[in-house]
Amino acid sequence: MHRIEKGDPACAIGAFFEVAAIVGVRLFNADDATLATAISANNAILALLPKSVRPSSTQVNDDF
């Protein structure tokens, strides 16, 4: 689980499925209404995030 939290790309996909099952996260829903509700909730959250992040173009002189 620690490797999954850190985003280790070498972690096997089976480990993701096992952890999701252990913590109770449903990865697959056959119910279209539930899936549509989850998608709309995720889209509402994603709308709040910036489209891109740019590094600052100005250098800060913090040498005191």
N, C-alpha and C. Protein backbone atom coordinates (compact mmCIF):
# COMPACT_ATOMS: atom_id res chain seq x y z
N MET A 1 0.82 -1.18 0.00
CA MET A 1 0.00 0.00 0.00
C MET A 1 0.88 1.25 0.00
N HIS A 2 2.02 1.17 0.67
CA HIS A 2 2.93 2.31 0.71
C HIS A 2 3.42 2.65 -0.70
N ARG A 3 3.75 1.63 -1.49
CA ARG A 3 4.22 1.86 -2.86
C ARG A 3 3.13 2.46 -3.73
N ILE A 4 1.89 2.07 -3.50
CA ILE A 4 0.77 2.62 -4.26
C ILE A 4 0.59 4.09 -3.91
N GLU A 5 0.67 4.43 -2.62
CA GLU A 5 0.51 5.82 -2.20
C GLU A 5 1.61 6.71 -2.76
N LYS A 6 2.81 6.16 -2.91
CA LYS A 6 3.92 6.94 -3.45
C LYS A 6 3.88 7.01 -4.97
N GLY A 7 3.01 6.23 -5.61
CA GLY A 7 2.91 6.25 -7.07
C GLY A 7 4.00 5.49 -7.76
N ASP A 8 4.48 4.42 -7.15
CA ASP A 8 5.55 3.61 -7.72
C ASP A 8 5.06 2.96 -9.01
N PRO A 9 5.67 3.28 -10.16
CA PRO A 9 5.22 2.70 -11.43
C PRO A 9 5.51 1.20 -11.55
N ALA A 10 6.37 0.65 -10.71
CA ALA A 10 6.69 -0.77 -10.77
C ALA A 10 5.68 -1.62 -10.01
N CYS A 11 4.73 -0.98 -9.34
CA CYS A 11 3.73 -1.71 -8.58
C CYS A 11 2.74 -2.41 -9.54
N ALA A 12 2.44 -3.65 -9.26
CA ALA A 12 1.58 -4.44 -10.15
C ALA A 12 0.13 -3.99 -10.05
N ILE A 13 -0.61 -4.12 -11.14
CA ILE A 13 -2.01 -3.71 -11.18
C ILE A 13 -2.85 -4.56 -10.22
N GLY A 14 -2.45 -5.79 -10.01
CA GLY A 14 -3.18 -6.65 -9.08
C GLY A 14 -3.15 -6.10 -7.66
N ALA A 15 -2.05 -5.45 -7.30
CA ALA A 15 -1.95 -4.84 -5.97
C ALA A 15 -2.97 -3.72 -5.82
N PHE A 16 -3.19 -2.96 -6.87
CA PHE A 16 -4.20 -1.90 -6.83
C PHE A 16 -5.59 -2.48 -6.59
N PHE A 17 -5.91 -3.56 -7.31
CA PHE A 17 -7.21 -4.20 -7.14
C PHE A 17 -7.39 -4.76 -5.74
N GLU A 18 -6.34 -5.38 -5.21
CA GLU A 18 -6.42 -5.95 -3.86
C GLU A 18 -6.63 -4.86 -2.80
N VAL A 19 -5.88 -3.77 -2.90
CA VAL A 19 -6.02 -2.69 -1.93
C VAL A 19 -7.40 -2.06 -2.05
N ALA A 20 -7.89 -1.87 -3.25
CA ALA A 20 -9.22 -1.30 -3.44
C ALA A 20 -10.28 -2.19 -2.80
N ALA A 21 -10.14 -3.49 -2.95
CA ALA A 21 -11.10 -4.42 -2.35
C ALA A 21 -11.01 -4.39 -0.83
N ILE A 22 -9.80 -4.28 -0.30
CA ILE A 22 -9.62 -4.27 1.15
C ILE A 22 -10.23 -3.02 1.78
N VAL A 23 -10.02 -1.87 1.16
CA VAL A 23 -10.52 -0.62 1.74
C VAL A 23 -11.97 -0.32 1.34
N GLY A 24 -12.55 -1.17 0.49
CA GLY A 24 -13.96 -1.03 0.17
C GLY A 24 -14.28 -0.10 -0.99
N VAL A 25 -13.31 0.16 -1.84
CA VAL A 25 -13.54 1.00 -3.01
C VAL A 25 -14.03 0.12 -4.15
N ARG A 26 -15.21 0.45 -4.67
CA ARG A 26 -15.74 -0.32 -5.80
C ARG A 26 -15.18 0.23 -7.09
N LEU A 27 -14.50 -0.61 -7.84
CA LEU A 27 -13.88 -0.18 -9.08
C LEU A 27 -14.81 -0.33 -10.28
N PHE A 28 -15.73 -1.26 -10.19
CA PHE A 28 -16.62 -1.53 -11.32
C PHE A 28 -18.06 -1.52 -10.83
N ASN A 29 -18.89 -0.75 -11.49
CA ASN A 29 -20.32 -0.70 -11.17
C ASN A 29 -21.11 -1.10 -12.40
N ALA A 30 -22.03 -2.02 -12.24
CA ALA A 30 -22.91 -2.41 -13.33
C ALA A 30 -24.10 -1.47 -13.44
N ASP A 31 -24.36 -0.71 -12.38
CA ASP A 31 -25.51 0.19 -12.33
C ASP A 31 -25.15 1.49 -13.05
N ASP A 32 -25.82 1.78 -14.17
CA ASP A 32 -25.52 2.97 -14.95
C ASP A 32 -25.84 4.26 -14.20
N ALA A 33 -26.88 4.26 -13.40
CA ALA A 33 -27.26 5.47 -12.66
C ALA A 33 -26.19 5.83 -11.63
N THR A 34 -25.68 4.83 -10.94
CA THR A 34 -24.63 5.07 -9.94
C THR A 34 -23.36 5.56 -10.61
N LEU A 35 -23.03 4.97 -11.75
CA LEU A 35 -21.84 5.38 -12.48
C LEU A 35 -21.98 6.80 -13.00
N ALA A 36 -23.13 7.16 -13.51
CA ALA A 36 -23.37 8.53 -14.01
C ALA A 36 -23.27 9.55 -12.88
N THR A 37 -23.77 9.20 -11.71
CA THR A 37 -23.68 10.09 -10.56
C THR A 37 -22.22 10.29 -10.15
N ALA A 38 -21.45 9.23 -10.14
CA ALA A 38 -20.03 9.32 -9.77
C ALA A 38 -19.26 10.15 -10.79
N ILE A 39 -19.56 9.99 -12.06
CA ILE A 39 -18.88 10.75 -13.12
C ILE A 39 -19.19 12.23 -12.99
N SER A 40 -20.45 12.58 -12.75
CA SER A 40 -20.81 13.99 -12.62
C SER A 40 -20.17 14.61 -11.37
N ALA A 41 -20.08 13.85 -10.29
CA ALA A 41 -19.42 14.36 -9.08
C ALA A 41 -17.94 14.59 -9.34
N ASN A 42 -17.29 13.66 -10.04
CA ASN A 42 -15.88 13.82 -10.37
C ASN A 42 -15.66 15.01 -11.30
N ASN A 43 -16.54 15.20 -12.27
CA ASN A 43 -16.42 16.34 -13.18
C ASN A 43 -16.58 17.66 -12.45
N ALA A 44 -17.45 17.70 -11.45
CA ALA A 44 -17.63 18.92 -10.66
C ALA A 44 -16.37 19.24 -9.87
N ILE A 45 -15.72 18.23 -9.35
CA ILE A 45 -14.48 18.44 -8.61
C ILE A 45 -13.36 18.85 -9.56
N LEU A 46 -13.27 18.20 -10.71
CA LEU A 46 -12.21 18.53 -11.68
C LEU A 46 -12.37 19.93 -12.24
N ALA A 47 -13.58 20.45 -12.29
CA ALA A 47 -13.81 21.80 -12.79
C ALA A 47 -13.16 22.85 -11.89
N LEU A 48 -12.93 22.51 -10.63
CA LEU A 48 -12.33 23.45 -9.70
C LEU A 48 -10.81 23.51 -9.82
N LEU A 49 -10.22 22.51 -10.45
CA LEU A 49 -8.77 22.45 -10.57
C LEU A 49 -8.29 23.28 -11.76
N PRO A 50 -7.09 23.83 -11.69
CA PRO A 50 -6.57 24.58 -12.83
C PRO A 50 -6.28 23.66 -14.01
N LYS A 51 -6.38 24.21 -15.21
CA LYS A 51 -6.12 23.41 -16.42
C LYS A 51 -4.64 23.05 -16.54
N SER A 52 -3.78 23.97 -16.14
CA SER A 52 -2.35 23.70 -16.19
C SER A 52 -1.66 24.53 -15.11
N VAL A 53 -0.45 24.13 -14.81
CA VAL A 53 0.35 24.83 -13.82
C VAL A 53 1.65 25.24 -14.49
N ARG A 54 1.96 26.52 -14.41
CA ARG A 54 3.19 27.02 -15.01
C ARG A 54 4.15 27.45 -13.92
N PRO A 55 5.43 27.22 -14.13
CA PRO A 55 6.40 27.69 -13.14
C PRO A 55 6.47 29.22 -13.17
N SER A 56 6.85 29.80 -12.07
CA SER A 56 6.97 31.24 -11.98
C SER A 56 8.08 31.73 -12.90
N SER A 57 7.82 32.81 -13.64
CA SER A 57 8.81 33.31 -14.58
C SER A 57 9.75 34.33 -13.93
N THR A 58 9.43 34.78 -12.73
CA THR A 58 10.29 35.75 -12.05
C THR A 58 11.10 35.06 -10.96
N GLN A 59 12.33 35.47 -10.83
CA GLN A 59 13.20 34.93 -9.81
C GLN A 59 13.06 35.80 -8.56
N VAL A 60 12.92 35.20 -7.42
CA VAL A 60 12.81 35.91 -6.16
C VAL A 60 14.18 35.98 -5.52
N ASN A 61 14.59 37.20 -5.16
CA ASN A 61 15.87 37.38 -4.49
C ASN A 61 15.62 37.31 -2.99
N ASP A 62 15.83 36.15 -2.41
CA ASP A 62 15.60 36.00 -0.99
C ASP A 62 16.91 35.82 -0.21
N ASP A 63 17.99 36.33 -0.76
CA ASP A 63 19.29 36.25 -0.10
C ASP A 63 19.45 37.48 0.79
N PHE A 64 19.29 37.30 2.07
CA PHE A 64 19.34 38.42 3.00
C PHE A 64 20.71 38.60 3.53
